[in-house]
Amino acid sequence: LSRFAADTFDEIYASHVVEHFDYVGELELTLREWNRVLVPGGRVGISVPDLDILCGLFVQRQALTFEERFMLMRMMFGGHVNEYDHHKAGLSEDLLTGFLMLAGFVNISRVSAFGICSDSSNAVFRNLPISLNVVAMKPPAALQGVSP
């Protein structure tokens, strides 16, 4: 996003993208860059596979078929259909919130849906939503640089 000036966008939406950034440095740097290009008070909407839900389902060995457990594994680690379809981070609500806070975001909250389109943020497995959907805000100009 280096071609964009700071404070350019009102909103950023990323559905099942963030887990493709390495949790060692790359994820925080990416979120910081998103924060940079958002206007003060701008909003980011992020959807990722919910590791808490997926792990809880995965350990139910007797309740799932091999195919279902394999599908859950792919949701956790990526489908591996090409060189880019690998997950480099597994995120739960507390972990994603922590990364967002490190990147300077505030007012972080979980939402059930974004209502934008039908995408992976609405994914379900056995009638259970498997996506963690979170919204966060770049602090308003008056709060920039103020620690929570």
N, C-alpha and C. Protein backbone atom coordinates (compact mmCIF):
# COMPACT_ATOMS: atom_id res chain seq x y z
N LEU A 1 0.80 -1.20 0.00
CA LEU A 1 0.00 0.00 0.00
C LEU A 1 0.85 1.27 0.00
N SER A 2 2.14 1.12 -0.23
CA SER A 2 3.04 2.27 -0.16
C SER A 2 2.68 3.35 -1.19
N ARG A 3 1.98 3.00 -2.24
CA ARG A 3 1.59 4.01 -3.25
C ARG A 3 0.47 4.92 -2.77
N PHE A 4 -0.15 4.57 -1.65
CA PHE A 4 -1.25 5.37 -1.12
C PHE A 4 -0.77 6.23 0.04
N ALA A 5 -1.23 7.45 0.06
CA ALA A 5 -0.89 8.37 1.15
C ALA A 5 -1.58 7.92 2.44
N ALA A 6 -1.06 8.37 3.55
CA ALA A 6 -1.72 8.13 4.83
C ALA A 6 -3.10 8.78 4.80
N ASP A 7 -4.01 8.21 5.57
CA ASP A 7 -5.35 8.78 5.73
C ASP A 7 -6.11 8.87 4.40
N THR A 8 -6.07 7.79 3.61
CA THR A 8 -6.69 7.78 2.29
C THR A 8 -8.07 7.12 2.29
N PHE A 9 -8.23 6.01 2.98
CA PHE A 9 -9.45 5.20 2.86
C PHE A 9 -10.32 5.27 4.10
N ASP A 10 -11.63 5.21 3.87
CA ASP A 10 -12.60 5.19 4.97
C ASP A 10 -12.73 3.80 5.57
N GLU A 11 -12.55 2.78 4.73
CA GLU A 11 -12.80 1.42 5.19
C GLU A 11 -11.94 0.43 4.42
N ILE A 12 -11.53 -0.62 5.11
CA ILE A 12 -10.83 -1.75 4.50
C ILE A 12 -11.60 -3.00 4.92
N TYR A 13 -11.80 -3.90 3.97
CA TYR A 13 -12.47 -5.17 4.25
C TYR A 13 -11.60 -6.31 3.74
N ALA A 14 -11.36 -7.28 4.61
CA ALA A 14 -10.52 -8.42 4.24
C ALA A 14 -11.16 -9.70 4.76
N SER A 15 -11.68 -10.50 3.87
CA SER A 15 -12.31 -11.77 4.24
C SER A 15 -11.37 -12.92 3.92
N HIS A 16 -10.94 -13.60 4.96
CA HIS A 16 -10.06 -14.76 4.86
C HIS A 16 -8.79 -14.42 4.08
N VAL A 17 -8.17 -13.34 4.52
CA VAL A 17 -6.90 -12.85 3.95
C VAL A 17 -5.81 -12.83 5.01
N VAL A 18 -6.14 -12.34 6.20
CA VAL A 18 -5.14 -12.07 7.25
C VAL A 18 -4.37 -13.32 7.65
N GLU A 19 -5.02 -14.46 7.62
CA GLU A 19 -4.34 -15.71 8.03
C GLU A 19 -3.23 -16.11 7.06
N HIS A 20 -3.15 -15.46 5.93
CA HIS A 20 -2.10 -15.74 4.95
C HIS A 20 -0.82 -14.95 5.22
N PHE A 21 -0.83 -14.08 6.24
CA PHE A 21 0.36 -13.33 6.63
C PHE A 21 1.03 -14.03 7.81
N ASP A 22 2.34 -14.13 7.77
CA ASP A 22 3.10 -14.78 8.83
C ASP A 22 2.91 -14.02 10.14
N TYR A 23 2.60 -14.76 11.19
CA TYR A 23 2.36 -14.12 12.48
C TYR A 23 3.64 -13.57 13.10
N VAL A 24 4.81 -13.91 12.55
CA VAL A 24 6.07 -13.35 13.03
C VAL A 24 6.41 -12.12 12.18
N GLY A 25 5.92 -10.99 12.58
CA GLY A 25 6.25 -9.73 11.91
C GLY A 25 5.32 -9.31 10.80
N GLU A 26 5.08 -10.17 9.85
CA GLU A 26 4.33 -9.79 8.65
C GLU A 26 2.89 -9.37 8.96
N LEU A 27 2.22 -10.09 9.84
CA LEU A 27 0.83 -9.77 10.16
C LEU A 27 0.73 -8.41 10.84
N GLU A 28 1.56 -8.16 11.83
CA GLU A 28 1.51 -6.86 12.52
C GLU A 28 1.86 -5.73 11.56
N LEU A 29 2.88 -5.91 10.72
CA LEU A 29 3.25 -4.88 9.76
C LEU A 29 2.12 -4.58 8.78
N THR A 30 1.44 -5.61 8.35
CA THR A 30 0.31 -5.43 7.43
C THR A 30 -0.81 -4.64 8.09
N LEU A 31 -1.15 -5.01 9.32
CA LEU A 31 -2.21 -4.30 10.03
C LEU A 31 -1.81 -2.85 10.31
N ARG A 32 -0.54 -2.61 10.61
CA ARG A 32 -0.06 -1.24 10.81
C ARG A 32 -0.20 -0.42 9.51
N GLU A 33 0.09 -1.07 8.39
CA GLU A 33 -0.04 -0.39 7.10
C GLU A 33 -1.50 -0.08 6.80
N TRP A 34 -2.40 -1.00 7.11
CA TRP A 34 -3.82 -0.75 6.94
C TRP A 34 -4.25 0.43 7.81
N ASN A 35 -3.75 0.46 9.03
CA ASN A 35 -4.06 1.56 9.93
C ASN A 35 -3.56 2.89 9.34
N ARG A 36 -2.37 2.87 8.78
CA ARG A 36 -1.78 4.08 8.20
C ARG A 36 -2.65 4.67 7.09
N VAL A 37 -3.16 3.82 6.21
CA VAL A 37 -3.91 4.33 5.06
C VAL A 37 -5.37 4.64 5.37
N LEU A 38 -5.85 4.23 6.54
CA LEU A 38 -7.21 4.58 6.94
C LEU A 38 -7.25 6.02 7.45
N VAL A 39 -8.35 6.70 7.18
CA VAL A 39 -8.56 8.03 7.75
C VAL A 39 -8.79 7.87 9.25
N PRO A 40 -8.49 8.92 10.04
CA PRO A 40 -8.84 8.84 11.46
C PRO A 40 -10.33 8.52 11.62
N GLY A 41 -10.62 7.55 12.45
CA GLY A 41 -11.99 7.09 12.61
C GLY A 41 -12.41 6.07 11.57
N GLY A 42 -11.49 5.73 10.63
CA GLY A 42 -11.76 4.72 9.61
C GLY A 42 -11.89 3.34 10.22
N ARG A 43 -12.47 2.45 9.48
CA ARG A 43 -12.83 1.13 10.01
C ARG A 43 -12.23 0.02 9.17
N VAL A 44 -11.81 -1.05 9.84
CA VAL A 44 -11.38 -2.25 9.16
C VAL A 44 -12.32 -3.38 9.57
N GLY A 45 -12.72 -4.19 8.59
CA GLY A 45 -13.51 -5.39 8.83
C GLY A 45 -12.68 -6.58 8.43
N ILE A 46 -12.47 -7.50 9.35
CA ILE A 46 -11.62 -8.65 9.09
C ILE A 46 -12.37 -9.93 9.43
N SER A 47 -12.28 -10.88 8.53
CA SER A 47 -12.84 -12.21 8.76
C SER A 47 -11.73 -13.22 8.58
N VAL A 48 -11.61 -14.14 9.53
CA VAL A 48 -10.62 -15.22 9.46
C VAL A 48 -11.28 -16.52 9.91
N PRO A 49 -10.68 -17.66 9.56
CA PRO A 49 -11.17 -18.90 10.15
C PRO A 49 -11.00 -18.83 11.67
N ASP A 50 -12.06 -19.13 12.41
CA ASP A 50 -12.02 -19.05 13.87
C ASP A 50 -11.35 -20.31 14.42
N LEU A 51 -10.11 -20.16 14.86
CA LEU A 51 -9.34 -21.31 15.32
C LEU A 51 -9.99 -21.99 16.52
N ASP A 52 -10.60 -21.22 17.41
CA ASP A 52 -11.27 -21.83 18.57
C ASP A 52 -12.39 -22.77 18.12
N ILE A 53 -13.21 -22.31 17.21
CA ILE A 53 -14.33 -23.13 16.73
C ILE A 53 -13.82 -24.35 15.95
N LEU A 54 -12.88 -24.12 15.04
CA LEU A 54 -12.37 -25.21 14.22
C LEU A 54 -11.67 -26.28 15.05
N CYS A 55 -10.88 -25.86 16.04
CA CYS A 55 -10.21 -26.84 16.89
C CYS A 55 -11.21 -27.62 17.73
N GLY A 56 -12.22 -26.90 18.24
CA GLY A 56 -13.27 -27.57 19.01
C GLY A 56 -13.99 -28.63 18.19
N LEU A 57 -14.24 -28.33 16.94
CA LEU A 57 -14.88 -29.31 16.05
C LEU A 57 -13.92 -30.46 15.73
N PHE A 58 -12.68 -30.13 15.46
CA PHE A 58 -11.70 -31.13 15.01
C PHE A 58 -11.49 -32.23 16.04
N VAL A 59 -11.52 -31.91 17.31
CA VAL A 59 -11.26 -32.92 18.34
C VAL A 59 -12.45 -33.85 18.59
N GLN A 60 -13.55 -33.61 17.94
CA GLN A 60 -14.72 -34.48 18.07
C GLN A 60 -14.60 -35.66 17.10
N ARG A 61 -13.59 -36.47 17.30
CA ARG A 61 -13.26 -37.56 16.37
C ARG A 61 -14.43 -38.50 16.07
N GLN A 62 -15.13 -38.92 17.10
CA GLN A 62 -16.20 -39.89 16.91
C GLN A 62 -17.40 -39.28 16.18
N ALA A 63 -17.57 -37.99 16.25
CA ALA A 63 -18.74 -37.34 15.65
C ALA A 63 -18.51 -36.97 14.19
N LEU A 64 -17.26 -37.06 13.71
CA LEU A 64 -16.94 -36.61 12.36
C LEU A 64 -16.38 -37.74 11.50
N THR A 65 -16.65 -37.65 10.24
CA THR A 65 -16.04 -38.59 9.30
C THR A 65 -14.61 -38.13 8.99
N PHE A 66 -13.85 -39.01 8.38
CA PHE A 66 -12.49 -38.65 7.95
C PHE A 66 -12.55 -37.44 7.02
N GLU A 67 -13.49 -37.44 6.09
CA GLU A 67 -13.61 -36.35 5.13
C GLU A 67 -13.91 -35.03 5.83
N GLU A 68 -14.77 -35.06 6.86
CA GLU A 68 -15.08 -33.83 7.59
C GLU A 68 -13.87 -33.32 8.36
N ARG A 69 -13.13 -34.22 8.98
CA ARG A 69 -11.91 -33.80 9.70
C ARG A 69 -10.88 -33.25 8.73
N PHE A 70 -10.77 -33.87 7.55
CA PHE A 70 -9.85 -33.37 6.54
C PHE A 70 -10.26 -31.97 6.09
N MET A 71 -11.55 -31.75 5.91
CA MET A 71 -12.05 -30.44 5.51
C MET A 71 -11.74 -29.40 6.59
N LEU A 72 -11.90 -29.76 7.85
CA LEU A 72 -11.57 -28.85 8.95
C LEU A 72 -10.08 -28.53 8.96
N MET A 73 -9.24 -29.53 8.70
CA MET A 73 -7.81 -29.29 8.64
C MET A 73 -7.48 -28.28 7.55
N ARG A 74 -8.13 -28.41 6.40
CA ARG A 74 -7.90 -27.46 5.30
C ARG A 74 -8.36 -26.06 5.67
N MET A 75 -9.44 -25.95 6.45
CA MET A 75 -9.89 -24.64 6.90
C MET A 75 -8.86 -24.01 7.84
N MET A 76 -8.21 -24.84 8.64
CA MET A 76 -7.22 -24.32 9.58
C MET A 76 -5.89 -23.97 8.90
N PHE A 77 -5.45 -24.79 7.96
CA PHE A 77 -4.10 -24.64 7.40
C PHE A 77 -4.08 -24.20 5.94
N GLY A 78 -5.23 -24.01 5.36
CA GLY A 78 -5.30 -23.62 3.95
C GLY A 78 -5.56 -24.83 3.08
N GLY A 79 -6.07 -24.56 1.91
CA GLY A 79 -6.42 -25.65 1.00
C GLY A 79 -5.26 -26.23 0.23
N HIS A 80 -4.15 -25.49 0.15
CA HIS A 80 -2.94 -25.94 -0.54
C HIS A 80 -3.19 -26.28 -2.01
N VAL A 81 -4.11 -25.52 -2.63
CA VAL A 81 -4.38 -25.75 -4.05
C VAL A 81 -3.36 -25.04 -4.94
N ASN A 82 -2.63 -24.07 -4.36
CA ASN A 82 -1.54 -23.42 -5.08
C ASN A 82 -0.55 -22.88 -4.05
N GLU A 83 0.51 -22.25 -4.52
CA GLU A 83 1.57 -21.79 -3.61
C GLU A 83 1.13 -20.71 -2.63
N TYR A 84 -0.01 -20.07 -2.87
CA TYR A 84 -0.49 -19.00 -2.00
C TYR A 84 -1.56 -19.46 -1.02
N ASP A 85 -2.07 -20.65 -1.18
CA ASP A 85 -3.18 -21.13 -0.38
C ASP A 85 -2.70 -21.88 0.86
N HIS A 86 -1.84 -21.19 1.64
CA HIS A 86 -1.32 -21.71 2.90
C HIS A 86 -1.58 -20.69 3.99
N HIS A 87 -2.08 -21.14 5.12
CA HIS A 87 -2.30 -20.23 6.23
C HIS A 87 -1.03 -20.17 7.07
N LYS A 88 -0.59 -18.95 7.34
CA LYS A 88 0.63 -18.74 8.13
C LYS A 88 0.33 -18.31 9.55
N ALA A 89 -0.95 -18.16 9.86
CA ALA A 89 -1.37 -17.79 11.22
C ALA A 89 -2.71 -18.44 11.50
N GLY A 90 -2.87 -18.90 12.71
CA GLY A 90 -4.16 -19.38 13.19
C GLY A 90 -4.65 -18.38 14.22
N LEU A 91 -5.86 -17.88 14.04
CA LEU A 91 -6.31 -16.78 14.88
C LEU A 91 -7.61 -17.08 15.60
N SER A 92 -7.61 -16.72 16.86
CA SER A 92 -8.81 -16.74 17.70
C SER A 92 -9.14 -15.28 18.01
N GLU A 93 -10.25 -15.05 18.68
CA GLU A 93 -10.65 -13.67 18.94
C GLU A 93 -9.59 -12.92 19.75
N ASP A 94 -9.05 -13.55 20.78
CA ASP A 94 -8.06 -12.85 21.61
C ASP A 94 -6.77 -12.59 20.85
N LEU A 95 -6.34 -13.52 20.00
CA LEU A 95 -5.11 -13.31 19.23
C LEU A 95 -5.29 -12.21 18.19
N LEU A 96 -6.39 -12.25 17.44
CA LEU A 96 -6.62 -11.21 16.44
C LEU A 96 -6.77 -9.84 17.11
N THR A 97 -7.47 -9.79 18.23
CA THR A 97 -7.61 -8.54 18.98
C THR A 97 -6.24 -8.02 19.40
N GLY A 98 -5.38 -8.90 19.88
CA GLY A 98 -4.04 -8.50 20.28
C GLY A 98 -3.24 -7.91 19.14
N PHE A 99 -3.28 -8.56 17.98
CA PHE A 99 -2.57 -8.04 16.81
C PHE A 99 -3.14 -6.68 16.38
N LEU A 100 -4.45 -6.53 16.43
CA LEU A 100 -5.07 -5.26 16.06
C LEU A 100 -4.66 -4.15 17.04
N MET A 101 -4.60 -4.48 18.31
CA MET A 101 -4.18 -3.49 19.30
C MET A 101 -2.72 -3.10 19.08
N LEU A 102 -1.85 -4.07 18.79
CA LEU A 102 -0.45 -3.76 18.51
C LEU A 102 -0.31 -2.82 17.32
N ALA A 103 -1.23 -2.95 16.37
CA ALA A 103 -1.19 -2.12 15.16
C ALA A 103 -1.86 -0.77 15.36
N GLY A 104 -2.38 -0.51 16.57
CA GLY A 104 -2.94 0.80 16.87
C GLY A 104 -4.44 0.93 16.73
N PHE A 105 -5.15 -0.18 16.51
CA PHE A 105 -6.60 -0.11 16.36
C PHE A 105 -7.28 -0.06 17.73
N VAL A 106 -8.47 0.52 17.76
CA VAL A 106 -9.29 0.63 18.97
C VAL A 106 -10.71 0.19 18.65
N ASN A 107 -11.54 0.15 19.68
CA ASN A 107 -12.96 -0.22 19.53
C ASN A 107 -13.10 -1.52 18.73
N ILE A 108 -12.37 -2.52 19.14
CA ILE A 108 -12.35 -3.82 18.46
C ILE A 108 -13.51 -4.65 18.99
N SER A 109 -14.33 -5.16 18.07
CA SER A 109 -15.46 -5.98 18.49
C SER A 109 -15.78 -7.05 17.46
N ARG A 110 -16.31 -8.12 17.98
CA ARG A 110 -16.75 -9.23 17.14
C ARG A 110 -18.14 -8.92 16.62
N VAL A 111 -18.38 -9.26 15.36
CA VAL A 111 -19.71 -9.11 14.77
C VAL A 111 -20.11 -10.45 14.17
N SER A 112 -21.39 -10.69 14.07
CA SER A 112 -21.84 -11.97 13.50
C SER A 112 -21.71 -11.98 11.99
N ALA A 113 -21.88 -10.81 11.36
CA ALA A 113 -21.80 -10.73 9.90
C ALA A 113 -21.51 -9.29 9.51
N PHE A 114 -21.02 -9.12 8.29
CA PHE A 114 -20.74 -7.78 7.77
C PHE A 114 -21.87 -7.27 6.89
N GLY A 115 -22.63 -8.18 6.29
CA GLY A 115 -23.74 -7.78 5.43
C GLY A 115 -23.30 -7.14 4.13
N ILE A 116 -22.09 -7.42 3.70
CA ILE A 116 -21.56 -6.82 2.47
C ILE A 116 -21.87 -7.70 1.27
N CYS A 117 -21.52 -8.97 1.39
CA CYS A 117 -21.71 -9.92 0.29
C CYS A 117 -21.68 -11.34 0.86
N SER A 118 -21.93 -12.30 0.01
CA SER A 118 -21.84 -13.69 0.42
C SER A 118 -20.43 -14.18 0.12
N ASP A 119 -19.62 -14.30 1.16
CA ASP A 119 -18.23 -14.72 1.00
C ASP A 119 -17.86 -15.64 2.16
N SER A 120 -16.58 -15.87 2.35
CA SER A 120 -16.11 -16.78 3.39
C SER A 120 -16.46 -16.32 4.79
N SER A 121 -16.74 -15.04 4.97
CA SER A 121 -17.11 -14.57 6.31
C SER A 121 -18.42 -15.18 6.78
N ASN A 122 -19.19 -15.72 5.84
CA ASN A 122 -20.47 -16.36 6.16
C ASN A 122 -20.39 -17.88 6.17
N ALA A 123 -19.18 -18.43 6.10
CA ALA A 123 -19.01 -19.88 5.99
C ALA A 123 -19.54 -20.62 7.22
N VAL A 124 -20.17 -21.76 6.96
CA VAL A 124 -20.69 -22.61 8.03
C VAL A 124 -20.24 -24.04 7.80
N PHE A 125 -20.11 -24.76 8.90
CA PHE A 125 -19.80 -26.19 8.87
C PHE A 125 -20.73 -26.84 9.88
N ARG A 126 -21.53 -27.77 9.41
CA ARG A 126 -22.52 -28.43 10.26
C ARG A 126 -23.39 -27.40 10.99
N ASN A 127 -23.86 -26.43 10.25
CA ASN A 127 -24.74 -25.36 10.75
C ASN A 127 -24.09 -24.45 11.79
N LEU A 128 -22.76 -24.48 11.88
CA LEU A 128 -22.04 -23.63 12.83
C LEU A 128 -21.15 -22.66 12.06
N PRO A 129 -21.31 -21.34 12.30
CA PRO A 129 -20.42 -20.38 11.63
C PRO A 129 -18.98 -20.64 12.04
N ILE A 130 -18.07 -20.69 11.07
CA ILE A 130 -16.68 -21.00 11.37
C ILE A 130 -15.76 -19.79 11.18
N SER A 131 -16.32 -18.65 10.86
CA SER A 131 -15.50 -17.46 10.67
C SER A 131 -15.59 -16.54 11.88
N LEU A 132 -14.44 -15.97 12.21
CA LEU A 132 -14.35 -14.94 13.22
C LEU A 132 -14.41 -13.61 12.49
N ASN A 133 -15.44 -12.84 12.72
CA ASN A 133 -15.65 -11.55 12.05
C ASN A 133 -15.46 -10.43 13.07
N VAL A 134 -14.53 -9.53 12.77
CA VAL A 134 -14.17 -8.48 13.71
C VAL A 134 -14.13 -7.13 12.99
N VAL A 135 -14.58 -6.09 13.67
CA VAL A 135 -14.41 -4.73 13.18
C VAL A 135 -13.54 -3.98 14.19
N ALA A 136 -12.75 -3.06 13.67
CA ALA A 136 -11.88 -2.23 14.51
C ALA A 136 -11.77 -0.87 13.87
N MET A 137 -11.35 0.10 14.65
CA MET A 137 -11.31 1.47 14.18
C MET A 137 -9.92 2.07 14.38
N LYS A 138 -9.52 2.87 13.42
CA LYS A 138 -8.34 3.71 13.61
C LYS A 138 -8.79 4.83 14.54
N PRO A 139 -8.01 5.15 15.56
CA PRO A 139 -8.47 6.18 16.49
C PRO A 139 -8.75 7.50 15.78
N PRO A 140 -9.75 8.23 16.23
CA PRO A 140 -9.98 9.58 15.69
C PRO A 140 -8.72 10.43 15.89
N ALA A 141 -8.57 11.46 15.09
CA ALA A 141 -7.38 12.30 15.14
C ALA A 141 -7.08 12.79 16.55
N ALA A 142 -8.10 13.11 17.33
CA ALA A 142 -7.90 13.63 18.68
C ALA A 142 -7.29 12.59 19.61
N LEU A 143 -7.42 11.31 19.26
CA LEU A 143 -6.90 10.23 20.12
C LEU A 143 -5.62 9.61 19.57
N GLN A 144 -5.12 10.05 18.43
CA GLN A 144 -3.92 9.48 17.85
C GLN A 144 -2.76 9.61 18.82
N GLY A 145 -2.07 8.51 19.05
CA GLY A 145 -0.91 8.51 19.93
C GLY A 145 -1.25 8.41 21.40
N VAL A 146 -2.52 8.34 21.77
CA VAL A 146 -2.92 8.20 23.17
C VAL A 146 -3.01 6.72 23.48
N SER A 147 -2.33 6.28 24.52
CA SER A 147 -2.37 4.86 24.90
C SER A 147 -3.69 4.53 25.57
N PRO A 148 -4.21 3.32 25.30
CA PRO A 148 -5.48 2.91 25.94
C PRO A 148 -5.33 2.70 27.42
